[in-house]
Amino acid sequence: IKELKGYKKVFLKPGESKRVTIELNDRSLAYFDEKSKQWVVDADTFNISLGSSSQDIRLNAKLVNSFRQELSTTTSNPLPRSALNSVLVEKPPVKTGGVFKQTVE
């Protein structure tokens, strides 16, 4: 199964090159296990492909995970750490609560 786990839009001038970093974390490799009701990363070999599109792969690599991991709820959030750090969650001073406001800094 091929899944998009991250992308960056980069504009280059002719002959120009840039270094691009795309974060992959435990959650990037996980799936939700209905039986255990949590996110799991299996002991497996994962193929990582990089390219300008799914039809234009320019780099392939393998990532080996030696043991099965059951992720905690704090690591099972689908947002990368950089996105989590850039989102401010405020609880309004309303006694009924339950409403959250997200603002991006």
C-alpha atoms as a PDB file:
ATOM      1  CA  ILE A   1       0.000   0.000   0.000  1.00  0.00           C
ATOM      2  CA  LYS A   2       1.335   3.426  -0.938  1.00  0.00           C
ATOM      3  CA  GLU A   3       0.432   6.314   1.356  1.00  0.00           C
ATOM      4  CA  LEU A   4       1.436   9.964   1.239  1.00  0.00           C
ATOM      5  CA  LYS A   5       3.083  10.782   4.573  1.00  0.00           C
ATOM      6  CA  GLY A   6       4.417  14.246   3.865  1.00  0.00           C
ATOM      7  CA  TYR A   7       5.261  16.770   1.197  1.00  0.00           C
ATOM      8  CA  LYS A   8       6.894  20.144   0.738  1.00  0.00           C
ATOM      9  CA  LYS A   9       6.347  22.504  -2.170  1.00  0.00           C
ATOM     10  CA  VAL A  10       9.705  23.833  -3.341  1.00  0.00           C
ATOM     11  CA  PHE A  11      10.331  26.342  -6.111  1.00  0.00           C
ATOM     12  CA  LEU A  12      13.706  26.050  -7.854  1.00  0.00           C
ATOM     13  CA  LYS A  13      15.376  28.176 -10.486  1.00  0.00           C
ATOM     14  CA  PRO A  14      17.164  26.325 -13.308  1.00  0.00           C
ATOM     15  CA  GLY A  15      20.300  24.678 -11.906  1.00  0.00           C
ATOM     16  CA  GLU A  16      19.348  25.480  -8.297  1.00  0.00           C
ATOM     17  CA  SER A  17      19.184  22.832  -5.572  1.00  0.00           C
ATOM     18  CA  LYS A  18      17.780  22.882  -2.045  1.00  0.00           C
ATOM     19  CA  ARG A  19      17.786  20.523   0.910  1.00  0.00           C
ATOM     20  CA  VAL A  20      14.265  19.477   1.916  1.00  0.00           C
ATOM     21  CA  THR A  21      13.365  17.781   5.212  1.00  0.00           C
ATOM     22  CA  ILE A  22      10.138  15.859   5.722  1.00  0.00           C
ATOM     23  CA  GLU A  23       9.507  14.583   9.243  1.00  0.00           C
ATOM     24  CA  LEU A  24       8.368  11.000   9.750  1.00  0.00           C
ATOM     25  CA  ASN A  25       7.556   9.868  13.268  1.00  0.00           C
ATOM     26  CA  ASP A  26       6.156   6.708  14.860  1.00  0.00           C
ATOM     27  CA  ARG A  27       2.632   7.755  13.902  1.00  0.00           C
ATOM     28  CA  SER A  28       3.684   7.975  10.243  1.00  0.00           C
ATOM     29  CA  LEU A  29       4.194   4.204  10.207  1.00  0.00           C
ATOM     30  CA  ALA A  30       1.262   3.249  12.444  1.00  0.00           C
ATOM     31  CA  TYR A  31      -2.172   1.847  11.778  1.00  0.00           C
ATOM     32  CA  PHE A  32      -5.171   1.647  14.105  1.00  0.00           C
ATOM     33  CA  ASP A  33      -5.646  -1.859  15.530  1.00  0.00           C
ATOM     34  CA  GLU A  34      -9.355  -2.397  16.207  1.00  0.00           C
ATOM     35  CA  LYS A  35      -8.701  -5.294  18.588  1.00  0.00           C
ATOM     36  CA  SER A  36      -6.391  -3.382  20.945  1.00  0.00           C
ATOM     37  CA  LYS A  37      -8.043   0.003  20.213  1.00  0.00           C
ATOM     38  CA  GLN A  38      -4.720   1.766  19.720  1.00  0.00           C
ATOM     39  CA  TRP A  39      -2.220   2.816  17.090  1.00  0.00           C
ATOM     40  CA  VAL A  40       0.417   0.168  16.325  1.00  0.00           C
ATOM     41  CA  VAL A  41       3.671   0.040  14.358  1.00  0.00           C
ATOM     42  CA  ASP A  42       4.465  -3.526  13.322  1.00  0.00           C
ATOM     43  CA  ALA A  43       7.932  -5.055  13.287  1.00  0.00           C
ATOM     44  CA  ASP A  44       8.487  -4.761   9.552  1.00  0.00           C
ATOM     45  CA  THR A  45      10.510  -3.231   6.745  1.00  0.00           C
ATOM     46  CA  PHE A  46       9.011  -0.037   5.335  1.00  0.00           C
ATOM     47  CA  ASN A  47       9.810   1.242   1.846  1.00  0.00           C
ATOM     48  CA  ILE A  48      10.310   5.010   1.703  1.00  0.00           C
ATOM     49  CA  SER A  49      10.079   6.693  -1.718  1.00  0.00           C
ATOM     50  CA  LEU A  50      10.795  10.326  -2.554  1.00  0.00           C
ATOM     51  CA  GLY A  51       9.951  12.075  -5.780  1.00  0.00           C
ATOM     52  CA  SER A  52       8.266  14.948  -7.518  1.00  0.00           C
ATOM     53  CA  SER A  53       5.105  12.801  -7.787  1.00  0.00           C
ATOM     54  CA  SER A  54       4.013   9.201  -7.244  1.00  0.00           C
ATOM     55  CA  GLN A  55       4.833   8.617 -10.915  1.00  0.00           C
ATOM     56  CA  ASP A  56       8.298  10.243 -10.684  1.00  0.00           C
ATOM     57  CA  ILE A  57      10.144   8.499  -7.821  1.00  0.00           C
ATOM     58  CA  ARG A  58      13.764   9.658  -7.551  1.00  0.00           C
ATOM     59  CA  LEU A  59      14.954   8.026  -4.332  1.00  0.00           C
ATOM     60  CA  ASN A  60      14.046   4.781  -2.559  1.00  0.00           C
ATOM     61  CA  ALA A  61      15.133   3.645   0.893  1.00  0.00           C
ATOM     62  CA  LYS A  62      14.166   1.004   3.430  1.00  0.00           C
ATOM     63  CA  LEU A  63      13.385   1.619   7.083  1.00  0.00           C
ATOM     64  CA  VAL A  64      13.567  -1.416   9.382  1.00  0.00           C
ATOM     65  CA  ASN A  65      11.498  -1.476  12.566  1.00  0.00           C
ATOM     66  CA  SER A  66      12.730  -4.421  14.654  1.00  0.00           C
ATOM     67  CA  PHE A  67       9.886  -4.668  17.156  1.00  0.00           C
ATOM     68  CA  ARG A  68       6.142  -4.043  17.392  1.00  0.00           C
ATOM     69  CA  GLN A  69       5.187  -0.766  19.102  1.00  0.00           C
ATOM     70  CA  GLU A  70       1.875   0.205  20.651  1.00  0.00           C
ATOM     71  CA  LEU A  71       1.740   3.990  20.670  1.00  0.00           C
ATOM     72  CA  SER A  72       0.510   6.062  23.569  1.00  0.00           C
ATOM     73  CA  THR A  73      -2.218   8.604  22.934  1.00  0.00           C
ATOM     74  CA  THR A  74       0.349  11.417  23.060  1.00  0.00           C
ATOM     75  CA  THR A  75       2.344   9.904  20.180  1.00  0.00           C
ATOM     76  CA  SER A  76      -0.683   8.760  18.208  1.00  0.00           C
ATOM     77  CA  ASN A  77      -1.659  12.292  17.204  1.00  0.00           C
ATOM     78  CA  PRO A  78      -1.474  12.452  13.384  1.00  0.00           C
ATOM     79  CA  LEU A  79       0.157  15.896  13.386  1.00  0.00           C
ATOM     80  CA  PRO A  80       3.966  16.079  13.236  1.00  0.00           C
ATOM     81  CA  ARG A  81       5.691  17.568  16.285  1.00  0.00           C
ATOM     82  CA  SER A  82       6.452  20.807  14.404  1.00  0.00           C
ATOM     83  CA  ALA A  83       2.733  21.321  13.736  1.00  0.00           C
ATOM     84  CA  LEU A  84       1.830  20.524  17.340  1.00  0.00           C
ATOM     85  CA  ASN A  85       4.262  23.178  18.541  1.00  0.00           C
ATOM     86  CA  SER A  86       2.754  25.789  16.208  1.00  0.00           C
ATOM     87  CA  VAL A  87      -0.871  25.315  17.296  1.00  0.00           C
ATOM     88  CA  LEU A  88      -2.156  27.074  20.392  1.00  0.00           C
ATOM     89  CA  VAL A  89      -5.185  25.451  22.000  1.00  0.00           C
ATOM     90  CA  GLU A  90      -7.156  27.656  24.391  1.00  0.00           C
ATOM     91  CA  LYS A  91     -10.062  26.615  26.556  1.00  0.00           C
ATOM     92  CA  PRO A  92     -12.563  29.483  26.780  1.00  0.00           C
ATOM     93  CA  PRO A  93     -13.777  30.526  30.247  1.00  0.00           C
ATOM     94  CA  VAL A  94     -17.213  28.962  29.741  1.00  0.00           C
ATOM     95  CA  LYS A  95     -18.480  26.644  32.489  1.00  0.00           C
ATOM     96  CA  THR A  96     -20.117  24.298  29.995  1.00  0.00           C
ATOM     97  CA  GLY A  97     -16.714  23.842  28.302  1.00  0.00           C
ATOM     98  CA  GLY A  98     -16.107  21.358  25.543  1.00  0.00           C
ATOM     99  CA  VAL A  99     -15.270  23.993  22.922  1.00  0.00           C
ATOM    100  CA  PHE A 100     -11.676  24.504  21.853  1.00  0.00           C
ATOM    101  CA  LYS A 101     -10.265  27.268  19.696  1.00  0.00           C
ATOM    102  CA  GLN A 102      -7.171  26.651  17.590  1.00  0.00           C
ATOM    103  CA  THR A 103      -5.042  29.497  16.345  1.00  0.00           C
ATOM    104  CA  VAL A 104      -1.909  29.115  14.265  1.00  0.00           C
ATOM    105  CA  GLU A 105       0.952  31.366  15.299  1.00  0.00           C
END
